[in-house]
Amino acid sequence: MATRKRIGIFGGSFNPPHLGHVAICKTVLRQGMVGEVWVIPCYLHPSDKSLVAFEHRCEMCTLAFADLGKRVKVLDLEKKLGGKSYTIRTVETLQKKHPDCEFLLILGEDAAKEAKTWHRHGDLRKIISWLVVPRGPHSMVPDVSASKSREALQNGGTTEVLIPEKVLEYLTDHKLYR
């Protein structure tokens, strides 16, 4: 029997995508945990968090992950599904559409801690394996967050160590997070 293709699902607000997100993808690919990563920005945040327009976040994700090549794809799946973005619904949709693939849910350590509050968390734990990537001082992933990035952008702080250069150019051109 042929081995199933292992694909990492990396969802999030990506408001904006930052160097921590990029490092998580690099880590799981470099370590061979998955063959591909599908980056899936949420369409409408389940807790009604205010987000920059979906199209901007998708485009910034495309720019942020471009240097990682064809093994990283940005999908607008949650927009197509419509309504609030629930991870369980996204996972179930992908598993149904791609039964030949083995999906793994990629989470930064911070997101994994919050996951207990997610819609149908228990069911999600049962239907997909989780790849939790450590963050912080003892990790290969820089301790960067979207909230720190937005704060630096709004206050005119240093952002080069937080946000990929192409994303920085995009959000400057479009006057985002001001």
Protein backbone atom coordinates (compact mmCIF):
# COMPACT_ATOMS: atom_id res chain seq x y z
CA MET A 1 0.00 0.00 0.00
CA ALA A 2 1.31 3.47 -0.93
CA THR A 3 2.23 5.83 1.87
CA ARG A 4 -0.23 8.65 2.36
CA LYS A 5 1.03 12.17 1.74
CA ARG A 6 1.59 13.96 5.09
CA ILE A 7 0.31 17.52 5.03
CA GLY A 8 0.49 20.02 7.84
CA ILE A 9 -2.49 22.31 8.31
CA PHE A 10 -1.32 25.65 9.68
CA GLY A 11 -4.27 27.88 10.42
CA GLY A 12 -4.50 31.19 12.19
CA SER A 13 -5.53 34.80 12.00
CA PHE A 14 -2.19 35.80 10.44
CA ASN A 15 -2.98 39.36 11.48
CA PRO A 16 -0.22 39.95 10.29
CA PRO A 17 1.90 36.91 9.41
CA HIS A 18 5.24 37.22 11.21
CA LEU A 19 8.67 35.60 11.37
CA GLY A 20 7.46 33.18 14.07
CA HIS A 21 4.91 31.76 11.61
CA VAL A 22 7.59 31.38 8.94
CA ALA A 23 9.96 29.68 11.41
CA ILE A 24 7.25 27.19 12.44
CA CYS A 25 6.78 26.17 8.79
CA LYS A 26 10.53 25.92 8.21
CA THR A 27 10.91 23.77 11.32
CA VAL A 28 8.24 21.18 10.45
CA LEU A 29 9.46 20.95 6.84
CA ARG A 30 13.18 20.79 7.70
CA GLN A 31 12.57 18.09 10.30
CA GLY A 32 10.53 16.05 7.82
CA MET A 33 7.42 16.04 10.01
CA VAL A 34 5.33 16.79 6.91
CA GLY A 35 5.93 16.95 3.17
CA GLU A 36 3.83 20.07 2.67
CA VAL A 37 2.25 22.82 4.75
CA TRP A 38 -1.12 24.30 3.85
CA VAL A 39 -1.44 27.75 5.41
CA ILE A 40 -5.10 28.59 6.04
CA PRO A 41 -5.95 32.10 7.25
CA CYS A 42 -9.22 32.27 9.16
CA TYR A 43 -12.06 34.08 7.45
CA LEU A 44 -14.11 35.29 10.43
CA HIS A 45 -12.56 34.80 13.85
CA PRO A 46 -14.72 32.59 16.12
CA SER A 47 -14.45 35.05 19.01
CA ASP A 48 -15.20 38.06 16.78
CA LYS A 49 -11.62 39.35 17.02
CA SER A 50 -11.12 42.38 14.79
CA LEU A 51 -8.97 41.45 11.80
CA VAL A 52 -7.61 43.23 8.74
CA ALA A 53 -9.56 42.24 5.59
CA PHE A 54 -9.22 38.57 4.63
CA GLU A 55 -7.79 39.40 1.18
CA HIS A 56 -4.96 41.41 2.76
CA ARG A 57 -4.13 38.62 5.21
CA CYS A 58 -4.13 36.03 2.41
CA GLU A 59 -1.84 38.15 0.26
CA MET A 60 0.51 38.81 3.19
CA CYS A 61 0.65 35.04 3.86
CA THR A 62 1.54 34.42 0.22
CA LEU A 63 4.37 36.96 0.54
CA ALA A 64 5.52 35.69 3.97
CA PHE A 65 5.84 32.05 2.91
CA ALA A 66 6.96 32.57 -0.73
CA ASP A 67 10.63 31.84 0.00
CA LEU A 68 9.73 28.37 1.32
CA GLY A 69 8.78 27.25 -2.19
CA LYS A 70 6.08 24.95 -3.51
CA ARG A 71 5.90 22.88 -0.34
CA VAL A 72 3.91 25.69 1.32
CA LYS A 73 0.53 26.66 -0.11
CA VAL A 74 -1.81 29.40 1.08
CA LEU A 75 -5.48 28.38 0.81
CA ASP A 76 -8.58 30.56 1.00
CA LEU A 77 -10.63 27.57 2.13
CA GLU A 78 -12.21 29.24 5.15
CA LYS A 79 -13.55 32.07 2.98
CA LYS A 80 -15.09 29.47 0.67
CA LEU A 81 -16.65 27.73 3.68
CA GLY A 82 -18.06 31.09 4.81
CA GLY A 83 -19.15 32.19 8.26
CA LYS A 84 -17.04 31.84 11.38
CA SER A 85 -13.85 29.81 10.99
CA TYR A 86 -13.78 26.73 13.19
CA THR A 87 -10.72 24.50 12.97
CA ILE A 88 -12.80 21.33 13.30
CA ARG A 89 -14.89 22.27 10.24
CA THR A 90 -11.77 23.03 8.21
CA VAL A 91 -10.11 19.74 9.18
CA GLU A 92 -13.25 17.70 8.46
CA THR A 93 -13.60 19.39 5.05
CA LEU A 94 -9.98 18.67 4.09
CA GLN A 95 -10.16 15.06 5.30
CA LYS A 96 -13.33 14.52 3.22
CA LYS A 97 -11.89 16.20 0.10
CA HIS A 98 -8.48 14.48 0.34
CA PRO A 99 -8.92 10.98 1.81
CA ASP A 100 -5.55 10.00 0.32
CA CYS A 101 -3.72 12.47 2.61
CA GLU A 102 -2.74 12.28 6.26
CA PHE A 103 -3.26 15.67 7.85
CA LEU A 104 -1.49 16.96 10.94
CA LEU A 105 -2.50 20.14 12.74
CA ILE A 106 0.46 22.50 13.22
CA LEU A 107 0.27 24.74 16.27
CA GLY A 108 2.68 27.04 17.98
CA GLU A 109 2.95 26.30 21.70
CA ASP A 110 0.93 29.43 22.50
CA ALA A 111 -1.99 28.38 20.26
CA ALA A 112 -1.93 24.84 21.66
CA LYS A 113 -2.48 26.24 25.16
CA GLU A 114 -5.53 28.18 23.96
CA ALA A 115 -6.97 25.21 22.05
CA LYS A 116 -8.94 23.91 25.04
CA THR A 117 -11.35 26.81 24.46
CA TRP A 118 -11.90 25.99 20.77
CA HIS A 119 -15.21 24.81 19.32
CA ARG A 120 -15.47 20.99 19.65
CA HIS A 121 -11.90 20.75 20.99
CA GLY A 122 -12.39 17.15 22.17
CA ASP A 123 -13.57 16.01 18.73
CA LEU A 124 -10.67 17.82 17.07
CA ARG A 125 -8.17 15.96 19.29
CA LYS A 126 -9.71 12.66 18.15
CA ILE A 127 -9.70 13.22 14.39
CA ILE A 128 -6.25 14.71 13.76
CA SER A 129 -2.75 14.45 15.22
CA TRP A 130 -1.21 17.66 16.51
CA LEU A 131 2.31 18.93 15.87
CA VAL A 132 3.02 21.43 18.64
CA VAL A 133 6.09 23.57 17.94
CA PRO A 134 7.79 25.08 21.01
CA ARG A 135 8.20 28.85 21.13
CA GLY A 136 10.39 31.09 23.21
CA PRO A 137 14.00 31.27 24.36
CA HIS A 138 14.75 27.52 24.05
CA SER A 139 13.18 27.11 20.62
CA MET A 140 14.26 27.53 17.01
CA VAL A 141 11.12 29.66 16.63
CA PRO A 142 11.51 33.31 17.63
CA ASP A 143 9.16 34.52 20.33
CA VAL A 144 7.21 36.82 18.03
CA SER A 145 3.48 37.41 18.15
CA ALA A 146 0.99 39.18 15.91
CA SER A 147 -0.01 41.46 18.79
CA LYS A 148 3.65 42.51 19.35
CA SER A 149 3.96 43.08 15.61
CA ARG A 150 0.80 45.23 15.42
CA GLU A 151 1.89 47.21 18.46
CA ALA A 152 5.30 47.95 16.90
CA LEU A 153 3.63 48.99 13.64
CA GLN A 154 1.20 51.32 15.42
CA ASN A 155 3.90 52.89 17.58
CA GLY A 156 6.55 53.23 14.90
CA GLY A 157 8.78 50.63 16.59
CA THR A 158 11.29 48.27 15.01
CA THR A 159 9.47 45.67 12.93
CA GLU A 160 12.29 44.09 10.84
CA VAL A 161 12.90 41.48 13.54
CA LEU A 162 9.19 40.65 13.68
CA ILE A 163 7.77 40.70 10.16
CA PRO A 164 9.12 39.40 6.82
CA GLU A 165 10.40 42.20 4.60
CA LYS A 166 7.90 41.57 1.76
CA VAL A 167 5.01 41.65 4.24
CA LEU A 168 6.33 44.88 5.74
CA GLU A 169 6.40 46.48 2.27
CA TYR A 170 2.84 45.28 1.57
CA LEU A 171 1.35 46.58 4.78
CA THR A 172 3.19 49.88 4.40
CA ASP A 173 1.90 50.26 0.81
CA HIS A 174 -1.66 49.48 1.96
CA LYS A 175 -1.42 51.53 5.18
CA LEU A 176 -2.43 48.59 7.38
CA TYR A 177 -2.24 48.52 11.21
CA ARG A 178 -1.88 52.28 11.62
